[in-house]
Amino acid sequence: MIDKLLSTAVKLYLRSQVTQAEDLQVKIIGKNRQILQGYIPQVLLSCNRAVYQGLYLRQVELKGAEIAFNLSEVLKKKPLKLEPILVDIKLRLDVSDLQASLDSSLLQSGLSDLWQIIWSAQNHASPAELADLEIRWHCITIVDRGLNLAGTYRDGTEIKELDLSTGINLTDSHTLCLSPITTNSKSLSDQIEIDLGTDVVIEQLAVESEQILCSGKIRINN
C-alpha cells in the first residue's frame, strides 16, 4: 500500500518539475516496514519525450537502489535529505531533440564551455580572452560518431560565423575524447579529453546518424 502511495506522490512531483513527459512510469519496490524506516530497496522510473529545463529527451530510464532518506523529518515538513545514490541511467535522443534543446540555456552554456576548451587549445587563449567570447549556437546535427554545430560568436566588435565538427568517443568510463576536430574547415591536430568526474560512469555511448544512445551510472549527492 505505502509503495503505491509513494509511487503516485513521486510521479506527481516529477510532473511538476518537467514541462512535458509522456508515459511517465514510477515504481517503488519495498515493504511497508522498510519504507516507514526511511529505506527504499529499489525505484524504477521511465518516460518518453521528456522536457526538463528546455532539454528534450526522447527516452529516459532510471533505476536507483538502496535509497536511504529522512522520512521522519519529511513528515514534520522538513527538507528531504538523501544519502548518496548510484543511479543507473539510459538516455536516447535524436537530432530533433538536440535542435529543440538549443533554446535551453543549459545546452547553450554546455556547448559554449565546449567551444572555449577547443578554442583555448587551438589559440592558447588567456582566461580574459575566453571570458569575452559570446557564442550563440543555431544548428546542431548528429553524424556517425560525431556532431556538427553552427553558430556565431563575438570577436571584439565583430560577429563571426562558427562551424564546429567533432568526433565523440570514450577514452574510459569517466572521460570523453573529442577527435577529429574541425573548426571553420581548419583541423585541430590534437585530440581533447574531457574528464567527467568520478560521479559519472559511462558504460555505453553510441553516437549514430540521427540519434545518441547513452547508458551508465551517475552518483547523486544530496
N, C-alpha and C. Protein backbone atom coordinates (compact mmCIF):
# COMPACT_ATOMS: atom_id res chain seq x y z
N MET A 1 0.82 -1.20 0.00
CA MET A 1 0.00 0.00 0.00
C MET A 1 0.86 1.27 0.00
N ILE A 2 1.84 1.33 0.92
CA ILE A 2 2.67 2.52 1.03
C ILE A 2 3.50 2.73 -0.22
N ASP A 3 4.01 1.64 -0.81
CA ASP A 3 4.82 1.78 -2.01
C ASP A 3 4.00 2.38 -3.15
N LYS A 4 2.72 2.02 -3.26
CA LYS A 4 1.87 2.57 -4.32
C LYS A 4 1.58 4.04 -4.08
N LEU A 5 1.30 4.39 -2.82
CA LEU A 5 1.05 5.79 -2.49
C LEU A 5 2.28 6.64 -2.76
N LEU A 6 3.45 6.13 -2.38
CA LEU A 6 4.68 6.87 -2.59
C LEU A 6 5.00 6.99 -4.08
N SER A 7 4.74 5.93 -4.85
CA SER A 7 4.95 5.97 -6.30
C SER A 7 4.09 7.06 -6.93
N THR A 8 2.84 7.16 -6.50
CA THR A 8 1.95 8.19 -7.01
C THR A 8 2.44 9.58 -6.64
N ALA A 9 2.91 9.74 -5.40
CA ALA A 9 3.42 11.04 -4.96
C ALA A 9 4.65 11.45 -5.75
N VAL A 10 5.55 10.50 -5.98
CA VAL A 10 6.76 10.79 -6.76
C VAL A 10 6.40 11.17 -8.19
N LYS A 11 5.43 10.47 -8.76
CA LYS A 11 5.00 10.77 -10.13
C LYS A 11 4.44 12.20 -10.22
N LEU A 12 3.63 12.57 -9.26
CA LEU A 12 3.08 13.93 -9.24
C LEU A 12 4.18 14.97 -9.09
N TYR A 13 5.16 14.67 -8.24
CA TYR A 13 6.28 15.60 -8.05
C TYR A 13 7.07 15.75 -9.35
N LEU A 14 7.37 14.63 -10.00
CA LEU A 14 8.15 14.69 -11.23
C LEU A 14 7.42 15.47 -12.32
N ARG A 15 6.12 15.29 -12.40
CA ARG A 15 5.35 16.04 -13.40
C ARG A 15 5.40 17.54 -13.14
N SER A 16 5.54 17.92 -11.88
CA SER A 16 5.65 19.35 -11.56
C SER A 16 7.01 19.92 -11.92
N GLN A 17 8.01 19.06 -12.13
CA GLN A 17 9.37 19.50 -12.41
C GLN A 17 9.69 19.54 -13.90
N VAL A 18 8.86 18.92 -14.72
CA VAL A 18 9.14 18.87 -16.16
C VAL A 18 8.03 19.59 -16.91
N THR A 19 8.40 20.11 -18.09
CA THR A 19 7.41 20.76 -18.94
C THR A 19 6.53 19.74 -19.62
N GLN A 20 7.14 18.60 -19.93
CA GLN A 20 6.41 17.55 -20.64
C GLN A 20 7.02 16.20 -20.29
N ALA A 21 6.19 15.17 -20.22
CA ALA A 21 6.67 13.80 -20.03
C ALA A 21 5.54 12.85 -20.42
N GLU A 22 5.77 12.06 -21.45
CA GLU A 22 4.77 11.11 -21.91
C GLU A 22 5.04 9.72 -21.31
N ASP A 23 3.97 9.03 -20.99
CA ASP A 23 4.05 7.66 -20.47
C ASP A 23 5.00 7.58 -19.27
N LEU A 24 4.85 8.50 -18.34
CA LEU A 24 5.69 8.51 -17.14
C LEU A 24 5.31 7.36 -16.22
N GLN A 25 6.28 6.51 -15.92
CA GLN A 25 6.06 5.35 -15.06
C GLN A 25 7.01 5.41 -13.87
N VAL A 26 6.47 5.23 -12.69
CA VAL A 26 7.27 5.20 -11.46
C VAL A 26 6.86 3.97 -10.66
N LYS A 27 7.84 3.18 -10.27
CA LYS A 27 7.55 2.00 -9.46
C LYS A 27 8.54 1.95 -8.30
N ILE A 28 8.00 1.96 -7.10
CA ILE A 28 8.82 1.85 -5.89
C ILE A 28 8.64 0.45 -5.33
N ILE A 29 9.76 -0.23 -5.16
CA ILE A 29 9.74 -1.61 -4.70
C ILE A 29 10.28 -1.67 -3.27
N GLY A 30 9.45 -2.12 -2.37
CA GLY A 30 9.88 -2.22 -0.98
C GLY A 30 8.71 -2.57 -0.08
N LYS A 31 9.02 -3.10 1.07
CA LYS A 31 7.98 -3.45 2.04
C LYS A 31 7.61 -2.22 2.86
N ASN A 32 6.38 -2.22 3.35
CA ASN A 32 5.90 -1.09 4.14
C ASN A 32 6.84 -0.75 5.29
N ARG A 33 7.30 -1.78 5.99
CA ARG A 33 8.17 -1.57 7.14
C ARG A 33 9.48 -0.89 6.72
N GLN A 34 10.04 -1.31 5.59
CA GLN A 34 11.28 -0.71 5.10
C GLN A 34 11.09 0.76 4.77
N ILE A 35 10.02 1.06 4.04
CA ILE A 35 9.77 2.44 3.63
C ILE A 35 9.52 3.34 4.83
N LEU A 36 8.77 2.83 5.81
CA LEU A 36 8.49 3.62 7.01
C LEU A 36 9.74 3.89 7.83
N GLN A 37 10.76 3.08 7.64
CA GLN A 37 12.05 3.29 8.31
C GLN A 37 12.99 4.17 7.48
N GLY A 38 12.49 4.68 6.34
CA GLY A 38 13.30 5.56 5.51
C GLY A 38 14.25 4.83 4.59
N TYR A 39 13.84 3.65 4.14
CA TYR A 39 14.70 2.86 3.25
C TYR A 39 13.87 2.31 2.10
N ILE A 40 14.32 2.57 0.86
CA ILE A 40 13.64 2.06 -0.33
C ILE A 40 14.61 1.15 -1.08
N PRO A 41 14.32 -0.14 -1.18
CA PRO A 41 15.23 -1.06 -1.86
C PRO A 41 15.46 -0.72 -3.34
N GLN A 42 14.40 -0.29 -4.03
CA GLN A 42 14.58 -0.04 -5.47
C GLN A 42 13.49 0.91 -5.99
N VAL A 43 13.91 1.79 -6.91
CA VAL A 43 12.99 2.68 -7.61
C VAL A 43 13.25 2.56 -9.10
N LEU A 44 12.18 2.38 -9.88
CA LEU A 44 12.27 2.32 -11.33
C LEU A 44 11.48 3.48 -11.91
N LEU A 45 12.07 4.17 -12.87
CA LEU A 45 11.41 5.32 -13.49
C LEU A 45 11.68 5.30 -14.98
N SER A 46 10.65 5.58 -15.76
CA SER A 46 10.84 5.67 -17.21
C SER A 46 9.83 6.66 -17.78
N CYS A 47 10.19 7.30 -18.89
CA CYS A 47 9.27 8.18 -19.59
C CYS A 47 9.78 8.41 -21.01
N ASN A 48 8.89 8.90 -21.85
CA ASN A 48 9.22 9.23 -23.23
C ASN A 48 8.96 10.72 -23.47
N ARG A 49 9.72 11.27 -24.40
CA ARG A 49 9.54 12.67 -24.82
C ARG A 49 9.46 13.61 -23.61
N ALA A 50 10.49 13.55 -22.79
CA ALA A 50 10.54 14.42 -21.61
C ALA A 50 11.21 15.75 -21.97
N VAL A 51 10.73 16.81 -21.34
CA VAL A 51 11.35 18.13 -21.49
C VAL A 51 11.63 18.66 -20.09
N TYR A 52 12.92 18.83 -19.78
CA TYR A 52 13.34 19.30 -18.46
C TYR A 52 14.23 20.52 -18.63
N GLN A 53 13.79 21.66 -18.12
CA GLN A 53 14.52 22.92 -18.23
C GLN A 53 14.96 23.18 -19.67
N GLY A 54 14.07 22.88 -20.61
CA GLY A 54 14.35 23.15 -22.02
C GLY A 54 15.11 22.07 -22.74
N LEU A 55 15.53 21.02 -22.03
CA LEU A 55 16.25 19.91 -22.65
C LEU A 55 15.25 18.83 -23.06
N TYR A 56 15.32 18.42 -24.32
CA TYR A 56 14.40 17.43 -24.86
C TYR A 56 15.08 16.05 -24.88
N LEU A 57 14.42 15.07 -24.30
CA LEU A 57 14.94 13.71 -24.24
C LEU A 57 13.88 12.76 -24.80
N ARG A 58 14.27 11.96 -25.78
CA ARG A 58 13.32 11.06 -26.43
C ARG A 58 12.88 9.94 -25.49
N GLN A 59 13.85 9.39 -24.75
CA GLN A 59 13.54 8.26 -23.87
C GLN A 59 14.47 8.29 -22.67
N VAL A 60 13.92 8.06 -21.48
CA VAL A 60 14.70 8.08 -20.24
C VAL A 60 14.31 6.87 -19.40
N GLU A 61 15.32 6.16 -18.89
CA GLU A 61 15.09 5.08 -17.94
C GLU A 61 16.06 5.25 -16.78
N LEU A 62 15.54 5.20 -15.56
CA LEU A 62 16.37 5.34 -14.36
C LEU A 62 16.07 4.19 -13.40
N LYS A 63 17.12 3.75 -12.73
CA LYS A 63 16.95 2.73 -11.69
C LYS A 63 17.86 3.06 -10.52
N GLY A 64 17.25 3.25 -9.36
CA GLY A 64 18.01 3.51 -8.15
C GLY A 64 17.78 2.41 -7.14
N ALA A 65 18.79 2.12 -6.33
CA ALA A 65 18.67 1.04 -5.35
C ALA A 65 19.25 1.48 -4.01
N GLU A 66 18.74 0.86 -2.96
CA GLU A 66 19.22 1.09 -1.59
C GLU A 66 19.21 2.58 -1.25
N ILE A 67 18.03 3.17 -1.34
CA ILE A 67 17.87 4.60 -1.11
C ILE A 67 17.47 4.85 0.34
N ALA A 68 18.29 5.62 1.02
CA ALA A 68 18.02 5.97 2.42
C ALA A 68 17.65 7.45 2.50
N PHE A 69 16.57 7.75 3.19
CA PHE A 69 16.13 9.14 3.30
C PHE A 69 15.50 9.38 4.68
N ASN A 70 15.35 10.66 5.01
CA ASN A 70 14.90 11.06 6.35
C ASN A 70 13.38 11.19 6.41
N LEU A 71 12.68 10.07 6.33
CA LEU A 71 11.21 10.09 6.30
C LEU A 71 10.62 10.77 7.53
N SER A 72 11.17 10.47 8.71
CA SER A 72 10.60 11.04 9.94
C SER A 72 10.65 12.56 9.92
N GLU A 73 11.71 13.13 9.36
CA GLU A 73 11.83 14.59 9.28
C GLU A 73 10.93 15.15 8.18
N VAL A 74 10.81 14.41 7.07
CA VAL A 74 9.93 14.85 5.99
C VAL A 74 8.49 14.95 6.48
N LEU A 75 8.07 13.99 7.30
CA LEU A 75 6.71 14.01 7.85
C LEU A 75 6.49 15.21 8.76
N LYS A 76 7.58 15.79 9.26
CA LYS A 76 7.50 17.00 10.08
C LYS A 76 7.70 18.25 9.23
N LYS A 77 7.59 18.06 7.90
CA LYS A 77 7.70 19.15 6.91
C LYS A 77 9.10 19.75 6.86
N LYS A 78 10.10 18.94 7.16
CA LYS A 78 11.48 19.37 7.00
C LYS A 78 11.98 18.93 5.63
N PRO A 79 13.07 19.56 5.12
CA PRO A 79 13.55 19.23 3.77
C PRO A 79 13.96 17.77 3.63
N LEU A 80 13.72 17.23 2.45
CA LEU A 80 14.13 15.86 2.14
C LEU A 80 15.65 15.78 2.04
N LYS A 81 16.23 14.79 2.70
CA LYS A 81 17.66 14.55 2.61
C LYS A 81 17.90 13.11 2.21
N LEU A 82 18.75 12.92 1.21
CA LEU A 82 19.05 11.58 0.72
C LEU A 82 20.51 11.26 0.96
N GLU A 83 20.78 10.01 1.28
CA GLU A 83 22.16 9.54 1.25
C GLU A 83 22.59 9.47 -0.22
N PRO A 84 23.89 9.58 -0.52
CA PRO A 84 24.33 9.47 -1.92
C PRO A 84 23.79 8.22 -2.60
N ILE A 85 23.30 8.38 -3.83
CA ILE A 85 22.67 7.28 -4.57
C ILE A 85 23.41 7.08 -5.88
N LEU A 86 23.68 5.83 -6.22
CA LEU A 86 24.23 5.49 -7.53
C LEU A 86 23.07 5.04 -8.41
N VAL A 87 22.78 5.83 -9.45
CA VAL A 87 21.61 5.61 -10.29
C VAL A 87 22.03 5.08 -11.66
N ASP A 88 21.41 3.99 -12.08
CA ASP A 88 21.58 3.50 -13.45
C ASP A 88 20.70 4.34 -14.36
N ILE A 89 21.26 4.78 -15.49
CA ILE A 89 20.52 5.67 -16.37
C ILE A 89 20.72 5.27 -17.83
N LYS A 90 19.64 5.32 -18.59
CA LYS A 90 19.68 5.11 -20.03
C LYS A 90 18.97 6.28 -20.70
N LEU A 91 19.62 6.87 -21.71
CA LEU A 91 19.06 8.01 -22.42
C LEU A 91 19.09 7.76 -23.92
N ARG A 92 18.07 8.27 -24.59
CA ARG A 92 18.08 8.28 -26.05
C ARG A 92 17.54 9.62 -26.51
N LEU A 93 18.23 10.24 -27.45
CA LEU A 93 17.73 11.46 -28.05
C LEU A 93 18.12 11.49 -29.52
N ASP A 94 17.31 12.16 -30.32
CA ASP A 94 17.62 12.23 -31.74
C ASP A 94 17.92 13.68 -32.12
N VAL A 95 18.17 13.90 -33.41
CA VAL A 95 18.64 15.21 -33.85
C VAL A 95 17.58 16.28 -33.62
N SER A 96 16.30 15.94 -33.73
CA SER A 96 15.26 16.94 -33.49
C SER A 96 15.22 17.34 -32.02
N ASP A 97 15.53 16.41 -31.12
CA ASP A 97 15.60 16.73 -29.69
C ASP A 97 16.73 17.72 -29.42
N LEU A 98 17.90 17.46 -30.00
CA LEU A 98 19.04 18.35 -29.81
C LEU A 98 18.75 19.74 -30.37
N GLN A 99 18.18 19.78 -31.57
CA GLN A 99 17.89 21.07 -32.18
C GLN A 99 16.90 21.87 -31.33
N ALA A 100 15.86 21.20 -30.84
CA ALA A 100 14.89 21.88 -29.98
C ALA A 100 15.53 22.34 -28.67
N SER A 101 16.51 21.59 -28.19
CA SER A 101 17.17 21.91 -26.92
C SER A 101 18.10 23.11 -27.02
N LEU A 102 18.38 23.57 -28.25
CA LEU A 102 19.26 24.73 -28.41
C LEU A 102 18.66 25.99 -27.81
N ASP A 103 17.35 26.00 -27.59
CA ASP A 103 16.73 27.14 -26.92
C ASP A 103 16.97 27.11 -25.41
N SER A 104 17.53 26.02 -24.91
CA SER A 104 17.79 25.89 -23.48
C SER A 104 19.11 26.56 -23.12
N SER A 105 19.09 27.33 -22.04
CA SER A 105 20.33 27.95 -21.57
C SER A 105 21.33 26.90 -21.09
N LEU A 106 20.82 25.76 -20.61
CA LEU A 106 21.72 24.69 -20.16
C LEU A 106 22.56 24.15 -21.30
N LEU A 107 21.92 23.85 -22.45
CA LEU A 107 22.66 23.32 -23.58
C LEU A 107 23.56 24.38 -24.20
N GLN A 108 23.05 25.61 -24.33
CA GLN A 108 23.88 26.69 -24.86
C GLN A 108 25.13 26.89 -24.02
N SER A 109 24.97 26.86 -22.70
CA SER A 109 26.10 27.03 -21.81
C SER A 109 27.09 25.88 -21.93
N GLY A 110 26.57 24.65 -22.00
CA GLY A 110 27.45 23.49 -22.13
C GLY A 110 28.23 23.50 -23.43
N LEU A 111 27.56 23.85 -24.53
CA LEU A 111 28.24 23.90 -25.83
C LEU A 111 29.25 25.04 -25.87
N SER A 112 28.93 26.16 -25.22
CA SER A 112 29.88 27.27 -25.17
C SER A 112 31.11 26.90 -24.35
N ASP A 113 30.91 26.17 -23.26
CA ASP A 113 32.06 25.68 -22.48
C ASP A 113 32.92 24.76 -23.33
N LEU A 114 32.27 23.91 -24.12
CA LEU A 114 33.00 23.01 -25.02
C LEU A 114 33.81 23.80 -26.02
N TRP A 115 33.21 24.83 -26.61
CA TRP A 115 33.92 25.66 -27.59
C TRP A 115 35.10 26.38 -26.94
N GLN A 116 34.94 26.84 -25.71
CA GLN A 116 36.04 27.51 -25.04
C GLN A 116 37.23 26.57 -24.84
N ILE A 117 36.93 25.31 -24.51
CA ILE A 117 38.00 24.32 -24.36
C ILE A 117 38.74 24.13 -25.68
N ILE A 118 37.98 24.00 -26.76
CA ILE A 118 38.58 23.80 -28.08
C ILE A 118 39.32 25.04 -28.53
N TRP A 119 38.71 26.21 -28.35
CA TRP A 119 39.32 27.46 -28.80
C TRP A 119 40.60 27.76 -28.03
N SER A 120 40.59 27.45 -26.74
CA SER A 120 41.78 27.65 -25.92
C SER A 120 42.92 26.74 -26.38
N ALA A 121 42.60 25.48 -26.69
CA ALA A 121 43.62 24.55 -27.16
C ALA A 121 44.17 24.96 -28.51
N GLN A 122 43.33 25.59 -29.32
CA GLN A 122 43.73 25.97 -30.66
C GLN A 122 44.52 27.28 -30.68
N ASN A 123 44.15 28.20 -29.77
CA ASN A 123 44.72 29.55 -29.82
C ASN A 123 45.49 29.93 -28.56
N HIS A 124 45.58 29.01 -27.59
CA HIS A 124 46.27 29.29 -26.32
C HIS A 124 45.72 30.57 -25.68
N ALA A 125 44.40 30.63 -25.59
CA ALA A 125 43.74 31.84 -25.10
C ALA A 125 43.95 32.03 -23.60
N SER A 126 43.97 33.29 -23.20
CA SER A 126 44.04 33.61 -21.78
C SER A 126 42.64 33.56 -21.18
N PRO A 127 42.54 33.47 -19.85
CA PRO A 127 41.21 33.48 -19.22
C PRO A 127 40.38 34.71 -19.58
N ALA A 128 41.05 35.88 -19.72
CA ALA A 128 40.33 37.11 -20.07
C ALA A 128 39.75 37.01 -21.47
N GLU A 129 40.52 36.44 -22.40
CA GLU A 129 40.02 36.28 -23.77
C GLU A 129 38.84 35.32 -23.80
N LEU A 130 38.92 34.25 -23.04
CA LEU A 130 37.82 33.29 -23.00
C LEU A 130 36.56 33.92 -22.44
N ALA A 131 36.72 34.80 -21.45
CA ALA A 131 35.56 35.43 -20.83
C ALA A 131 34.83 36.34 -21.80
N ASP A 132 35.54 36.86 -22.80
CA ASP A 132 34.94 37.78 -23.77
C ASP A 132 34.19 37.06 -24.89
N LEU A 133 34.34 35.74 -24.98
CA LEU A 133 33.66 35.00 -26.04
C LEU A 133 32.16 34.92 -25.76
N GLU A 134 31.37 35.36 -26.72
CA GLU A 134 29.92 35.26 -26.61
C GLU A 134 29.44 34.44 -27.80
N ILE A 135 29.01 33.21 -27.54
CA ILE A 135 28.65 32.30 -28.62
C ILE A 135 27.16 32.01 -28.57
N ARG A 136 26.56 31.95 -29.74
CA ARG A 136 25.16 31.52 -29.86
C ARG A 136 25.10 30.43 -30.91
N TRP A 137 24.69 29.25 -30.50
CA TRP A 137 24.60 28.12 -31.41
C TRP A 137 23.21 28.07 -32.03
N HIS A 138 23.16 27.89 -33.35
CA HIS A 138 21.89 27.94 -34.09
C HIS A 138 21.48 26.59 -34.67
N CYS A 139 22.44 25.73 -34.92
CA CYS A 139 22.13 24.47 -35.59
C CYS A 139 23.04 23.36 -35.07
N ILE A 140 22.48 22.18 -34.89
CA ILE A 140 23.26 21.02 -34.46
C ILE A 140 22.73 19.78 -35.17
N THR A 141 23.64 18.98 -35.68
CA THR A 141 23.26 17.72 -36.33
C THR A 141 24.13 16.59 -35.79
N ILE A 142 23.56 15.39 -35.81
CA ILE A 142 24.27 14.20 -35.36
C ILE A 142 24.73 13.43 -36.58
N VAL A 143 26.01 13.11 -36.62
CA VAL A 143 26.55 12.27 -37.68
C VAL A 143 27.13 11.02 -37.03
N ASP A 144 27.57 10.08 -37.83
CA ASP A 144 28.12 8.85 -37.28
C ASP A 144 29.35 9.16 -36.43
N ARG A 145 29.25 8.91 -35.13
CA ARG A 145 30.33 9.10 -34.16
C ARG A 145 30.73 10.56 -33.98
N GLY A 146 29.81 11.49 -34.21
CA GLY A 146 30.19 12.88 -34.02
C GLY A 146 29.03 13.86 -34.12
N LEU A 147 29.37 15.14 -33.95
CA LEU A 147 28.41 16.23 -34.02
C LEU A 147 28.92 17.32 -34.95
N ASN A 148 27.99 17.97 -35.65
CA ASN A 148 28.28 19.17 -36.42
C ASN A 148 27.46 20.32 -35.84
N LEU A 149 28.12 21.44 -35.57
CA LEU A 149 27.44 22.59 -34.99
C LEU A 149 27.73 23.84 -35.80
N ALA A 150 26.77 24.75 -35.81
CA ALA A 150 26.95 26.04 -36.48
C ALA A 150 26.41 27.13 -35.55
N GLY A 151 27.16 28.23 -35.47
CA GLY A 151 26.73 29.32 -34.62
C GLY A 151 27.46 30.60 -34.95
N THR A 152 27.35 31.56 -34.08
CA THR A 152 28.06 32.83 -34.24
C THR A 152 28.70 33.19 -32.90
N TYR A 153 29.78 33.96 -32.98
CA TYR A 153 30.42 34.43 -31.75
C TYR A 153 30.96 35.83 -31.96
N ARG A 154 31.12 36.53 -30.86
CA ARG A 154 31.61 37.91 -30.90
C ARG A 154 33.12 37.91 -30.70
N ASP A 155 33.81 38.52 -31.66
CA ASP A 155 35.26 38.70 -31.57
C ASP A 155 35.53 40.19 -31.58
N GLY A 156 35.63 40.76 -30.37
CA GLY A 156 35.74 42.21 -30.28
C GLY A 156 34.42 42.85 -30.65
N THR A 157 34.43 43.66 -31.71
CA THR A 157 33.20 44.30 -32.18
C THR A 157 32.58 43.55 -33.34
N GLU A 158 33.20 42.46 -33.77
CA GLU A 158 32.71 41.72 -34.93
C GLU A 158 31.91 40.49 -34.51
N ILE A 159 30.90 40.16 -35.31
CA ILE A 159 30.15 38.92 -35.17
C ILE A 159 30.63 37.97 -36.26
N LYS A 160 31.16 36.83 -35.86
CA LYS A 160 31.72 35.89 -36.82
C LYS A 160 30.94 34.58 -36.80
N GLU A 161 30.90 33.94 -37.96
CA GLU A 161 30.27 32.63 -38.05
C GLU A 161 31.23 31.55 -37.59
N LEU A 162 30.66 30.52 -37.02
CA LEU A 162 31.48 29.43 -36.48
C LEU A 162 30.89 28.09 -36.89
N ASP A 163 31.71 27.26 -37.48
CA ASP A 163 31.34 25.88 -37.78
C ASP A 163 32.26 24.96 -36.99
N LEU A 164 31.68 24.01 -36.31
CA LEU A 164 32.46 23.08 -35.48
C LEU A 164 32.00 21.66 -35.75
N SER A 165 32.96 20.80 -36.05
CA SER A 165 32.68 19.37 -36.21
C SER A 165 33.62 18.60 -35.31
N THR A 166 33.10 17.63 -34.61
CA THR A 166 33.96 16.83 -33.73
C THR A 166 33.46 15.40 -33.62
N GLY A 167 34.40 14.49 -33.59
CA GLY A 167 34.07 13.12 -33.27
C GLY A 167 33.96 12.97 -31.76
N ILE A 168 33.16 12.02 -31.31
CA ILE A 168 32.97 11.80 -29.87
C ILE A 168 33.17 10.32 -29.57
N ASN A 169 34.12 10.04 -28.69
CA ASN A 169 34.39 8.66 -28.27
C ASN A 169 34.66 8.64 -26.77
N LEU A 170 34.80 7.46 -26.23
CA LEU A 170 35.16 7.29 -24.83
C LEU A 170 36.61 6.87 -24.70
N THR A 171 37.38 7.61 -23.90
CA THR A 171 38.72 7.15 -23.54
C THR A 171 38.60 6.08 -22.46
N ASP A 172 37.76 6.37 -21.47
CA ASP A 172 37.39 5.40 -20.44
C ASP A 172 36.02 5.81 -19.92
N SER A 173 35.54 5.15 -18.90
CA SER A 173 34.18 5.39 -18.43
C SER A 173 33.96 6.76 -17.81
N HIS A 174 35.05 7.50 -17.54
CA HIS A 174 34.94 8.83 -16.94
C HIS A 174 35.38 9.94 -17.89
N THR A 175 35.82 9.59 -19.10
CA THR A 175 36.47 10.57 -19.96
C THR A 175 35.96 10.52 -21.39
N LEU A 176 35.53 11.70 -21.89
CA LEU A 176 35.16 11.84 -23.29
C LEU A 176 36.37 12.25 -24.11
N CYS A 177 36.48 11.71 -25.30
CA CYS A 177 37.56 12.07 -26.22
C CYS A 177 36.96 12.72 -27.45
N LEU A 178 37.40 13.94 -27.77
CA LEU A 178 36.94 14.66 -28.95
C LEU A 178 38.03 14.59 -30.02
N SER A 179 37.75 13.92 -31.11
CA SER A 179 38.71 13.77 -32.20
C SER A 179 38.05 12.98 -33.33
N PRO A 180 38.26 13.42 -34.58
CA PRO A 180 38.95 14.63 -35.03
C PRO A 180 38.08 15.87 -34.83
N ILE A 181 38.74 17.02 -34.73
CA ILE A 181 38.04 18.29 -34.52
C ILE A 181 38.35 19.22 -35.69
N THR A 182 37.31 19.82 -36.24
CA THR A 182 37.46 20.79 -37.32
C THR A 182 36.67 22.04 -36.98
N THR A 183 37.32 23.21 -37.05
CA THR A 183 36.65 24.48 -36.83
C THR A 183 36.84 25.35 -38.05
N ASN A 184 35.71 25.78 -38.65
CA ASN A 184 35.76 26.60 -39.86
C ASN A 184 36.72 26.02 -40.89
N SER A 185 36.59 24.70 -41.12
CA SER A 185 37.37 23.95 -42.11
C SER A 185 38.84 23.79 -41.74
N LYS A 186 39.22 24.19 -40.54
CA LYS A 186 40.60 24.04 -40.08
C LYS A 186 40.66 22.89 -39.08
N SER A 187 41.51 21.91 -39.36
CA SER A 187 41.61 20.74 -38.48
C SER A 187 42.51 21.03 -37.29
N LEU A 188 42.10 20.54 -36.15
CA LEU A 188 42.90 20.65 -34.94
C LEU A 188 43.66 19.34 -34.76
N SER A 189 44.96 19.43 -34.70
CA SER A 189 45.78 18.22 -34.73
C SER A 189 45.64 17.38 -33.46
N ASP A 190 45.48 18.03 -32.31
CA ASP A 190 45.43 17.29 -31.05
C ASP A 190 44.00 16.90 -30.68
N GLN A 191 43.86 15.75 -30.08
CA GLN A 191 42.57 15.36 -29.52
C GLN A 191 42.40 16.04 -28.17
N ILE A 192 41.16 16.20 -27.75
CA ILE A 192 40.86 16.84 -26.48
C ILE A 192 40.09 15.85 -25.61
N GLU A 193 40.52 15.70 -24.37
CA GLU A 193 39.85 14.81 -23.43
C GLU A 193 39.15 15.64 -22.36
N ILE A 194 37.92 15.25 -22.04
CA ILE A 194 37.12 15.95 -21.04
C ILE A 194 36.81 14.99 -19.90
N ASP A 195 37.31 15.32 -18.71
CA ASP A 195 37.10 14.50 -17.52
C ASP A 195 35.70 14.78 -16.96
N LEU A 196 34.87 13.77 -16.88
CA LEU A 196 33.50 13.93 -16.39
C LEU A 196 33.40 13.79 -14.87
N GLY A 197 34.50 13.42 -14.24
CA GLY A 197 34.50 13.28 -12.79
C GLY A 197 34.14 11.87 -12.34
N THR A 198 34.40 11.60 -11.09
CA THR A 198 34.20 10.25 -10.56
C THR A 198 32.73 9.93 -10.28
N ASP A 199 31.86 10.94 -10.30
CA ASP A 199 30.44 10.69 -10.05
C ASP A 199 29.70 10.21 -11.30
N VAL A 200 30.39 10.17 -12.43
CA VAL A 200 29.79 9.73 -13.69
C VAL A 200 30.54 8.53 -14.23
N VAL A 201 29.80 7.49 -14.60
CA VAL A 201 30.38 6.30 -15.22
C VAL A 201 29.57 6.02 -16.50
N ILE A 202 30.21 6.18 -17.65
CA ILE A 202 29.53 5.90 -18.91
C ILE A 202 29.91 4.49 -19.36
N GLU A 203 28.91 3.65 -19.48
CA GLU A 203 29.14 2.26 -19.87
C GLU A 203 29.00 2.08 -21.38
N GLN A 204 28.14 2.87 -21.99
CA GLN A 204 27.95 2.79 -23.44
C GLN A 204 27.61 4.17 -23.98
N LEU A 205 28.26 4.56 -25.07
CA LEU A 205 27.95 5.80 -25.77
C LEU A 205 27.97 5.51 -27.26
N ALA A 206 26.80 5.57 -27.87
CA ALA A 206 26.68 5.31 -29.30
C ALA A 206 26.15 6.57 -29.98
N VAL A 207 27.03 7.24 -30.72
CA VAL A 207 26.63 8.42 -31.49
C VAL A 207 26.47 7.98 -32.93
N GLU A 208 25.23 7.76 -33.31
CA GLU A 208 24.92 7.24 -34.63
C GLU A 208 24.25 8.33 -35.46
N SER A 209 24.08 8.06 -36.74
CA SER A 209 23.39 9.01 -37.60
C SER A 209 21.98 9.26 -37.06
N GLU A 210 21.72 10.50 -36.69
CA GLU A 210 20.40 10.97 -36.25
C GLU A 210 20.04 10.67 -34.80
N GLN A 211 20.86 9.91 -34.04
CA GLN A 211 20.49 9.67 -32.65
C GLN A 211 21.72 9.40 -31.78
N ILE A 212 21.53 9.62 -30.47
CA ILE A 212 22.57 9.34 -29.48
C ILE A 212 21.97 8.42 -28.42
N LEU A 213 22.68 7.34 -28.12
CA LEU A 213 22.28 6.40 -27.08
C LEU A 213 23.37 6.41 -26.00
N CYS A 214 22.96 6.53 -24.76
CA CYS A 214 23.93 6.58 -23.67
C CYS A 214 23.38 5.82 -22.47
N SER A 215 24.24 5.02 -21.86
CA SER A 215 23.86 4.32 -20.64
C SER A 215 25.05 4.32 -19.68
N GLY A 216 24.73 4.32 -18.41
CA GLY A 216 25.79 4.33 -17.41
C GLY A 216 25.23 4.55 -16.02
N LYS A 217 26.07 5.12 -15.17
CA LYS A 217 25.69 5.38 -13.78
C LYS A 217 26.09 6.79 -13.41
N ILE A 218 25.28 7.38 -12.53
CA ILE A 218 25.61 8.71 -12.01
C ILE A 218 25.33 8.73 -10.52
N ARG A 219 26.26 9.29 -9.78
CA ARG A 219 26.08 9.39 -8.33
C ARG A 219 25.40 10.71 -8.00
N ILE A 220 24.29 10.61 -7.29
CA ILE A 220 23.55 11.80 -6.88
C ILE A 220 23.86 12.06 -5.42
N ASN A 221 24.49 13.21 -5.17
CA ASN A 221 24.84 13.59 -3.80
C ASN A 221 23.88 14.68 -3.33
N ASN A 222 23.29 14.48 -2.19
CA ASN A 222 22.32 15.45 -1.68
C ASN A 222 23.03 16.72 -1.22
